[in-house]
């Protein structure tokens, strides 16, 4: 299992993106690998993939947050054998496939943010419950 950053921005380079929620008009992902990070940005004009050697996810997360973007750190679940359902190639769909999220109801960057944010809260909640159940000596 590796880690990824999903970044949400207000990039409205295409006219139809103005109908999406401000601040959540585009998303892209940075995947952590054993050789550094890889930036994957699915745009309407093409797919940009760049290695980011020498960068760590923590530093990238701070930098994007300082730029006013929303960033969610997720664990990438590899190894699922179920096929993804058919969907148009959008930034959301590419990010979902890269992080292993099987949810055909998530169509917009705002919906993806809500889904990932809820998943993050569940993980934190479970950890707090487990910490609470551990006896203190």
C-alpha atoms as a PDB file:
ATOM      1  CA  UNK A   1       0.000   0.000   0.000  1.00  0.00           C
ATOM      2  CA  UNK A   2       1.400   3.390  -0.987  1.00  0.00           C
ATOM      3  CA  UNK A   3       0.318   6.944  -0.315  1.00  0.00           C
ATOM      4  CA  UNK A   4      -1.066   9.608  -2.621  1.00  0.00           C
ATOM      5  CA  UNK A   5      -2.122  13.239  -2.448  1.00  0.00           C
ATOM      6  CA  UNK A   6      -5.323  14.228  -4.206  1.00  0.00           C
ATOM      7  CA  UNK A   7      -5.287  17.962  -4.921  1.00  0.00           C
ATOM      8  CA  UNK A   8      -8.396  20.008  -5.702  1.00  0.00           C
ATOM      9  CA  UNK A   9      -8.126  23.348  -7.480  1.00  0.00           C
ATOM     10  CA  UNK A  10     -10.239  26.068  -9.028  1.00  0.00           C
ATOM     11  CA  UNK A  11      -8.741  25.599 -12.503  1.00  0.00           C
ATOM     12  CA  UNK A  12     -11.504  26.688 -14.884  1.00  0.00           C
ATOM     13  CA  UNK A  13      -9.533  26.554 -18.117  1.00  0.00           C
ATOM     14  CA  UNK A  14     -12.484  25.078 -20.009  1.00  0.00           C
ATOM     15  CA  UNK A  15     -15.842  26.904 -20.173  1.00  0.00           C
ATOM     16  CA  UNK A  16     -17.979  24.038 -18.843  1.00  0.00           C
ATOM     17  CA  UNK A  17     -15.977  23.848 -15.608  1.00  0.00           C
ATOM     18  CA  UNK A  18     -17.530  27.120 -14.420  1.00  0.00           C
ATOM     19  CA  UNK A  19     -20.682  25.144 -13.584  1.00  0.00           C
ATOM     20  CA  UNK A  20     -18.800  23.132 -10.963  1.00  0.00           C
ATOM     21  CA  UNK A  21     -18.364  24.196  -7.335  1.00  0.00           C
ATOM     22  CA  UNK A  22     -15.737  26.961  -6.974  1.00  0.00           C
ATOM     23  CA  UNK A  23     -12.514  25.578  -5.526  1.00  0.00           C
ATOM     24  CA  UNK A  24     -13.423  22.103  -6.776  1.00  0.00           C
ATOM     25  CA  UNK A  25     -13.343  22.418 -10.558  1.00  0.00           C
ATOM     26  CA  UNK A  26     -10.313  20.198 -11.166  1.00  0.00           C
ATOM     27  CA  UNK A  27      -8.359  17.506  -9.362  1.00  0.00           C
ATOM     28  CA  UNK A  28      -5.053  15.762  -9.857  1.00  0.00           C
ATOM     29  CA  UNK A  29      -2.918  13.316  -7.931  1.00  0.00           C
ATOM     30  CA  UNK A  30       0.621  12.806  -6.707  1.00  0.00           C
ATOM     31  CA  UNK A  31       1.607   9.195  -6.107  1.00  0.00           C
ATOM     32  CA  UNK A  32       4.444   8.211  -3.812  1.00  0.00           C
ATOM     33  CA  UNK A  33       6.773   5.581  -5.246  1.00  0.00           C
ATOM     34  CA  UNK A  34       9.990   4.001  -4.055  1.00  0.00           C
ATOM     35  CA  UNK A  35      11.908   6.448  -6.285  1.00  0.00           C
ATOM     36  CA  UNK A  36      10.074   9.646  -5.357  1.00  0.00           C
ATOM     37  CA  UNK A  37       6.766  11.175  -6.314  1.00  0.00           C
ATOM     38  CA  UNK A  38       4.914  11.142  -9.620  1.00  0.00           C
ATOM     39  CA  UNK A  39       2.597  14.019 -10.583  1.00  0.00           C
ATOM     40  CA  UNK A  40      -0.383  12.940 -12.719  1.00  0.00           C
ATOM     41  CA  UNK A  41      -2.618  15.713 -14.032  1.00  0.00           C
ATOM     42  CA  UNK A  42      -5.546  14.643 -16.250  1.00  0.00           C
ATOM     43  CA  UNK A  43      -6.553  17.662 -18.325  1.00  0.00           C
ATOM     44  CA  UNK A  44      -9.061  17.995 -21.148  1.00  0.00           C
ATOM     45  CA  UNK A  45      -6.109  18.560 -23.509  1.00  0.00           C
ATOM     46  CA  UNK A  46      -4.181  15.467 -22.414  1.00  0.00           C
ATOM     47  CA  UNK A  47      -2.659  13.569 -19.546  1.00  0.00           C
ATOM     48  CA  UNK A  48       0.467  15.016 -17.933  1.00  0.00           C
ATOM     49  CA  UNK A  49       2.768  12.654 -16.043  1.00  0.00           C
ATOM     50  CA  UNK A  50       5.978  13.984 -14.479  1.00  0.00           C
ATOM     51  CA  UNK A  51       8.406  12.456 -12.007  1.00  0.00           C
ATOM     52  CA  UNK A  52       9.136  14.729  -9.044  1.00  0.00           C
ATOM     53  CA  UNK A  53      12.517  13.530  -7.857  1.00  0.00           C
ATOM     54  CA  UNK A  54      13.690  14.924  -4.543  1.00  0.00           C
ATOM     55  CA  UNK A  55      10.213  15.930  -3.351  1.00  0.00           C
ATOM     56  CA  UNK A  56       8.368  14.431  -0.417  1.00  0.00           C
ATOM     57  CA  UNK A  57       4.594  14.278  -0.049  1.00  0.00           C
ATOM     58  CA  UNK A  58       4.646  16.313   3.178  1.00  0.00           C
ATOM     59  CA  UNK A  59       6.403  19.228   1.475  1.00  0.00           C
ATOM     60  CA  UNK A  60       4.141  19.041  -1.571  1.00  0.00           C
ATOM     61  CA  UNK A  61       1.083  18.941   0.668  1.00  0.00           C
ATOM     62  CA  UNK A  62       2.184  22.130   2.472  1.00  0.00           C
ATOM     63  CA  UNK A  63       3.010  23.893  -0.798  1.00  0.00           C
ATOM     64  CA  UNK A  64      -0.367  23.162  -2.408  1.00  0.00           C
ATOM     65  CA  UNK A  65      -2.223  24.170   0.759  1.00  0.00           C
ATOM     66  CA  UNK A  66      -0.243  27.429   0.806  1.00  0.00           C
ATOM     67  CA  UNK A  67      -1.447  27.994  -2.775  1.00  0.00           C
ATOM     68  CA  UNK A  68      -5.060  27.824  -1.511  1.00  0.00           C
ATOM     69  CA  UNK A  69      -5.843  24.341  -2.790  1.00  0.00           C
ATOM     70  CA  UNK A  70      -7.504  21.515  -0.867  1.00  0.00           C
ATOM     71  CA  UNK A  71      -5.332  18.441  -0.386  1.00  0.00           C
ATOM     72  CA  UNK A  72      -6.370  15.012   0.879  1.00  0.00           C
ATOM     73  CA  UNK A  73      -3.805  12.342   1.734  1.00  0.00           C
ATOM     74  CA  UNK A  74      -5.051   8.839   0.913  1.00  0.00           C
ATOM     75  CA  UNK A  75      -3.768   5.290   1.022  1.00  0.00           C
ATOM     76  CA  UNK A  76      -3.721   3.645  -2.393  1.00  0.00           C
ATOM     77  CA  UNK A  77      -5.290   0.204  -2.317  1.00  0.00           C
ATOM     78  CA  UNK A  78      -3.707  -1.970  -4.971  1.00  0.00           C
ATOM     79  CA  UNK A  79      -4.572  -5.536  -5.726  1.00  0.00           C
ATOM     80  CA  UNK A  80      -8.347  -5.317  -6.165  1.00  0.00           C
ATOM     81  CA  UNK A  81      -9.405  -7.626  -8.941  1.00  0.00           C
ATOM     82  CA  UNK A  82     -12.820  -6.077  -9.616  1.00  0.00           C
ATOM     83  CA  UNK A  83     -13.033  -4.107 -12.835  1.00  0.00           C
ATOM     84  CA  UNK A  84     -14.021  -0.464 -12.793  1.00  0.00           C
ATOM     85  CA  UNK A  85     -17.354   0.398 -14.365  1.00  0.00           C
ATOM     86  CA  UNK A  86     -17.377   2.265 -17.644  1.00  0.00           C
ATOM     87  CA  UNK A  87     -17.126   6.071 -17.310  1.00  0.00           C
ATOM     88  CA  UNK A  88     -15.948   9.033 -19.397  1.00  0.00           C
ATOM     89  CA  UNK A  89     -12.306   9.984 -18.930  1.00  0.00           C
ATOM     90  CA  UNK A  90     -12.448  12.973 -16.600  1.00  0.00           C
ATOM     91  CA  UNK A  91      -9.984  14.183 -13.995  1.00  0.00           C
ATOM     92  CA  UNK A  92     -12.164  12.592 -11.310  1.00  0.00           C
ATOM     93  CA  UNK A  93     -12.307   9.228 -13.061  1.00  0.00           C
ATOM     94  CA  UNK A  94      -8.544   9.108 -13.584  1.00  0.00           C
ATOM     95  CA  UNK A  95      -7.895   9.973  -9.929  1.00  0.00           C
ATOM     96  CA  UNK A  96     -10.430   7.386  -8.729  1.00  0.00           C
ATOM     97  CA  UNK A  97      -8.729   4.660 -10.764  1.00  0.00           C
ATOM     98  CA  UNK A  98      -5.258   5.650  -9.590  1.00  0.00           C
ATOM     99  CA  UNK A  99      -6.201   5.522  -5.903  1.00  0.00           C
ATOM    100  CA  UNK A 100      -8.432   2.438  -6.254  1.00  0.00           C
ATOM    101  CA  UNK A 101     -11.789   4.061  -5.451  1.00  0.00           C
ATOM    102  CA  UNK A 102     -14.704   2.055  -6.881  1.00  0.00           C
ATOM    103  CA  UNK A 103     -17.716   4.388  -6.676  1.00  0.00           C
ATOM    104  CA  UNK A 104     -19.685   5.182  -9.835  1.00  0.00           C
ATOM    105  CA  UNK A 105     -21.727   7.829  -7.946  1.00  0.00           C
ATOM    106  CA  UNK A 106     -18.668  10.087  -7.600  1.00  0.00           C
ATOM    107  CA  UNK A 107     -18.614  12.258 -10.723  1.00  0.00           C
ATOM    108  CA  UNK A 108     -17.355  15.734  -9.752  1.00  0.00           C
ATOM    109  CA  UNK A 109     -14.269  16.933  -7.859  1.00  0.00           C
ATOM    110  CA  UNK A 110     -16.541  18.139  -5.016  1.00  0.00           C
ATOM    111  CA  UNK A 111     -18.125  14.673  -4.679  1.00  0.00           C
ATOM    112  CA  UNK A 112     -14.670  13.071  -4.707  1.00  0.00           C
ATOM    113  CA  UNK A 113     -13.478  15.462  -1.986  1.00  0.00           C
ATOM    114  CA  UNK A 114     -16.509  14.655   0.167  1.00  0.00           C
ATOM    115  CA  UNK A 115     -15.996  10.908  -0.310  1.00  0.00           C
ATOM    116  CA  UNK A 116     -12.298  11.053   0.550  1.00  0.00           C
ATOM    117  CA  UNK A 117     -12.893  13.399   3.481  1.00  0.00           C
ATOM    118  CA  UNK A 118     -15.519  11.021   4.937  1.00  0.00           C
ATOM    119  CA  UNK A 119     -13.159   8.060   4.485  1.00  0.00           C
ATOM    120  CA  UNK A 120     -10.406   9.991   6.297  1.00  0.00           C
ATOM    121  CA  UNK A 121     -12.756  10.809   9.200  1.00  0.00           C
ATOM    122  CA  UNK A 122     -13.792   7.153   9.548  1.00  0.00           C
ATOM    123  CA  UNK A 123     -10.174   6.047   9.777  1.00  0.00           C
ATOM    124  CA  UNK A 124      -9.425   8.685  12.428  1.00  0.00           C
ATOM    125  CA  UNK A 125     -12.591   7.768  14.352  1.00  0.00           C
ATOM    126  CA  UNK A 126     -11.681   4.085  14.445  1.00  0.00           C
ATOM    127  CA  UNK A 127      -8.197   4.901  15.666  1.00  0.00           C
ATOM    128  CA  UNK A 128      -9.592   7.058  18.481  1.00  0.00           C
ATOM    129  CA  UNK A 129     -11.961   4.283  19.519  1.00  0.00           C
ATOM    130  CA  UNK A 130      -9.094   1.785  19.627  1.00  0.00           C
ATOM    131  CA  UNK A 131      -6.952   4.240  21.598  1.00  0.00           C
ATOM    132  CA  UNK A 132      -9.829   4.711  24.051  1.00  0.00           C
ATOM    133  CA  UNK A 133     -10.176   0.965  24.628  1.00  0.00           C
ATOM    134  CA  UNK A 134      -6.507   0.492  25.509  1.00  0.00           C
ATOM    135  CA  UNK A 135      -6.124   0.397  29.316  1.00  0.00           C
ATOM    136  CA  UNK A 136      -3.841   3.018  30.818  1.00  0.00           C
ATOM    137  CA  UNK A 137      -1.332   1.772  33.397  1.00  0.00           C
END
